[in-house]
Amino acid sequence: MDLSQNRLWRTLRSKVGVRFTRFIPVAVASLIASQVALVIFNHMLLRGNAGIAGFAAAVIGAAVSYVLSRWAWERKGKPDLLRETLPFWAVSVCCWIILAWANKLGVYLVHEMSLHKGWKKVIVENGTYFLFNCGTFVARFLIFHYVIFADRRPAGSAGSGPESETLTLAPTGDEPTR
């Protein structure tokens, strides 16, 4: 089977596919950081305050995401405050609110199910937060790719046009080249 004819392979090699595959480790690192923080906040530091615990865990995940997202979109140098940094944090604040609400929902479900302690309680709380975090992952990727980190070169400049939609991976595993 010729990989160049495979639709999945062409999609993965497209600009969106490359960015998506680079964003996955960013999302996983952010997810792990926020899930671990959620357990710590829910069960040790902020017991009884699910909204604040969910919000704080989401802030920790966003900090990890911010640092790594610049790598995912191959941004180098000083970030553009108005085009990248502020919009990134505006999207993040929206996610924080959603995830704070998701944690409150998870804690509510735990109480409704009469799960007062143990792994079932942690799984329901973190599982609810996880599902909402996955939803915000998709929304964040779309916003980051098509709005915040979108290629802003004019249509007539070098490297724009249909032929630039596919990134070629260097055979040594180096960064993608255009």
Protein backbone atom coordinates (compact mmCIF):
# COMPACT_ATOMS: atom_id res chain seq x y z
CA MET A 1 0.00 0.00 0.00
CA ASP A 2 1.43 3.34 -1.05
CA LEU A 3 1.37 5.68 1.98
CA SER A 4 1.28 8.79 -0.22
CA GLN A 5 -2.15 7.69 -1.51
CA ASN A 6 -3.55 6.95 1.94
CA ARG A 7 -6.02 9.63 3.06
CA LEU A 8 -5.10 9.35 6.75
CA TRP A 9 -1.40 9.73 5.92
CA ARG A 10 -2.10 12.83 3.78
CA THR A 11 -4.20 14.30 6.58
CA LEU A 12 -1.47 13.68 9.18
CA ARG A 13 1.08 15.35 6.89
CA SER A 14 -1.13 18.39 6.32
CA LYS A 15 -0.53 21.57 8.28
CA VAL A 16 -3.47 20.78 10.57
CA GLY A 17 -2.34 17.16 11.02
CA VAL A 18 1.21 18.13 11.96
CA ARG A 19 -0.01 20.75 14.41
CA PHE A 20 -2.53 18.30 15.88
CA THR A 21 0.10 15.60 16.40
CA ARG A 22 2.41 18.18 18.00
CA PHE A 23 -0.45 19.44 20.23
CA ILE A 24 -1.30 15.95 21.56
CA PRO A 25 1.76 15.72 23.89
CA VAL A 26 1.02 19.28 25.03
CA ALA A 27 -2.54 18.29 25.90
CA VAL A 28 -1.43 15.08 27.61
CA ALA A 29 1.13 16.93 29.77
CA SER A 30 -1.44 19.59 30.62
CA LEU A 31 -4.06 16.95 31.38
CA ILE A 32 -1.75 14.98 33.67
CA ALA A 33 -0.74 18.15 35.54
CA SER A 34 -4.33 19.28 36.02
CA GLN A 35 -5.65 15.82 36.99
CA VAL A 36 -2.92 15.34 39.61
CA ALA A 37 -3.55 18.88 40.89
CA LEU A 38 -7.28 18.13 41.02
CA VAL A 39 -6.75 15.10 43.27
CA ILE A 40 -4.47 17.13 45.54
CA PHE A 41 -6.86 20.09 45.70
CA ASN A 42 -10.04 17.99 46.07
CA HIS A 43 -8.70 15.62 48.71
CA MET A 44 -5.97 17.51 50.59
CA LEU A 45 -5.88 21.28 50.16
CA LEU A 46 -9.33 22.55 49.18
CA ARG A 47 -11.72 19.90 50.45
CA GLY A 48 -15.26 21.11 50.31
CA ASN A 49 -14.64 23.76 47.69
CA ALA A 50 -14.99 21.95 44.37
CA GLY A 51 -15.29 25.06 42.19
CA ILE A 52 -12.06 26.59 43.41
CA ALA A 53 -10.30 23.21 43.30
CA GLY A 54 -11.35 22.66 39.66
CA PHE A 55 -10.41 26.22 38.74
CA ALA A 56 -6.97 25.95 40.40
CA ALA A 57 -6.26 22.58 38.76
CA ALA A 58 -7.18 24.05 35.37
CA VAL A 59 -4.81 26.99 35.96
CA ILE A 60 -1.94 24.56 36.58
CA GLY A 61 -2.80 22.66 33.40
CA ALA A 62 -2.95 25.92 31.44
CA ALA A 63 0.50 26.97 32.65
CA VAL A 64 1.94 23.70 31.35
CA SER A 65 -0.01 24.13 28.11
CA TYR A 66 1.21 27.69 27.58
CA VAL A 67 4.87 26.75 27.80
CA LEU A 68 4.49 23.74 25.51
CA SER A 69 2.02 25.28 23.01
CA ARG A 70 4.70 27.60 21.67
CA TRP A 71 6.69 24.47 20.81
CA ALA A 72 3.66 22.82 19.16
CA TRP A 73 3.19 25.78 16.82
CA GLU A 74 6.95 26.25 16.38
CA ARG A 75 6.95 29.75 17.82
CA LYS A 76 10.36 31.14 18.62
CA GLY A 77 11.47 34.37 20.23
CA LYS A 78 9.38 36.80 22.21
CA PRO A 79 5.63 36.04 22.09
CA ASP A 80 3.31 38.64 20.55
CA LEU A 81 1.34 39.94 23.54
CA LEU A 82 -1.79 41.02 21.63
CA ARG A 83 -1.94 38.22 19.05
CA GLU A 84 -0.77 35.24 21.09
CA THR A 85 -0.36 35.71 24.83
CA LEU A 86 -3.56 37.56 25.76
CA PRO A 87 -5.82 35.48 23.47
CA PHE A 88 -4.25 32.28 24.83
CA TRP A 89 -5.04 33.30 28.40
CA ALA A 90 -8.54 34.51 27.44
CA VAL A 91 -9.31 31.06 26.02
CA SER A 92 -7.72 29.52 29.11
CA VAL A 93 -9.93 31.53 31.48
CA CYS A 94 -13.02 30.26 29.63
CA CYS A 95 -11.70 26.70 30.04
CA TRP A 96 -10.99 27.32 33.74
CA ILE A 97 -14.61 28.31 34.30
CA ILE A 98 -15.87 25.25 32.40
CA LEU A 99 -13.54 22.94 34.31
CA ALA A 100 -14.43 24.50 37.67
CA TRP A 101 -18.08 23.80 36.87
CA ALA A 102 -17.16 20.25 35.72
CA ASN A 103 -15.47 19.56 39.05
CA LYS A 104 -18.51 20.85 40.92
CA LEU A 105 -20.62 18.52 38.78
CA GLY A 106 -18.31 15.59 39.59
CA VAL A 107 -18.53 16.30 43.32
CA TYR A 108 -22.32 16.60 43.04
CA LEU A 109 -22.47 13.23 41.24
CA VAL A 110 -20.36 11.66 44.00
CA HIS A 111 -22.80 12.90 46.63
CA GLU A 112 -25.81 11.75 44.60
CA MET A 113 -24.22 8.30 44.25
CA SER A 114 -23.37 8.23 47.99
CA LEU A 115 -19.67 7.71 47.32
CA HIS A 116 -18.05 9.18 50.41
CA LYS A 117 -14.52 7.84 50.02
CA GLY A 118 -12.37 5.45 48.06
CA TRP A 119 -11.36 5.03 44.44
CA LYS A 120 -14.91 5.16 43.08
CA LYS A 121 -15.26 8.68 44.42
CA VAL A 122 -11.94 9.77 42.84
CA ILE A 123 -12.85 8.09 39.54
CA VAL A 124 -16.25 9.81 39.32
CA GLU A 125 -14.85 13.25 40.27
CA ASN A 126 -11.79 13.04 38.05
CA GLY A 127 -13.68 11.23 35.29
CA THR A 128 -16.18 14.07 35.00
CA TYR A 129 -13.37 16.63 34.96
CA PHE A 130 -11.47 14.48 32.40
CA LEU A 131 -14.43 14.33 30.00
CA PHE A 132 -14.87 18.09 30.08
CA ASN A 133 -11.11 18.55 29.74
CA CYS A 134 -11.20 16.44 26.55
CA GLY A 135 -13.97 18.66 25.19
CA THR A 136 -11.99 21.80 25.94
CA PHE A 137 -8.94 20.15 24.30
CA VAL A 138 -10.73 19.98 20.96
CA ALA A 139 -12.05 23.54 21.29
CA ARG A 140 -8.63 24.88 22.32
CA PHE A 141 -6.89 23.15 19.42
CA LEU A 142 -9.31 24.64 16.90
CA ILE A 143 -9.03 28.12 18.40
CA PHE A 144 -5.24 27.94 18.68
CA HIS A 145 -4.74 26.56 15.17
CA TYR A 146 -7.22 28.70 13.26
CA VAL A 147 -7.13 31.90 15.31
CA ILE A 148 -4.30 32.46 17.79
CA PHE A 149 -1.38 30.72 16.08
CA ALA A 150 -2.75 30.95 12.52
CA ASP A 151 -0.29 31.72 9.74
CA ARG A 152 -0.77 35.45 9.11
CA ARG A 153 1.37 35.77 6.00
CA PRO A 154 -0.33 37.54 3.08
CA ALA A 155 -1.77 35.26 0.39
CA GLY A 156 0.83 36.29 -2.20
CA SER A 157 3.89 35.73 0.01
CA ALA A 158 6.30 32.84 -0.41
CA GLY A 159 5.18 29.67 1.29
CA SER A 160 1.47 30.36 1.02
CA GLY A 161 -0.90 28.64 -1.33
CA PRO A 162 -2.05 25.06 -1.72
CA GLU A 163 1.43 23.58 -2.09
CA SER A 164 2.39 24.85 1.37
CA GLU A 165 -0.46 22.96 3.04
CA THR A 166 1.65 19.81 3.27
CA LEU A 167 4.65 19.76 5.56
CA THR A 168 7.46 17.38 4.71
CA LEU A 169 9.05 15.56 7.58
CA ALA A 170 12.83 15.45 7.45
CA PRO A 171 14.14 11.87 7.28
CA THR A 172 16.26 12.36 10.41
CA GLY A 173 13.21 13.15 12.55
CA ASP A 174 14.10 16.84 12.75
CA GLU A 175 11.50 19.56 12.83
CA PRO A 176 9.08 19.66 9.88
CA THR A 177 10.23 21.79 6.99
CA ARG A 178 8.09 23.76 4.59
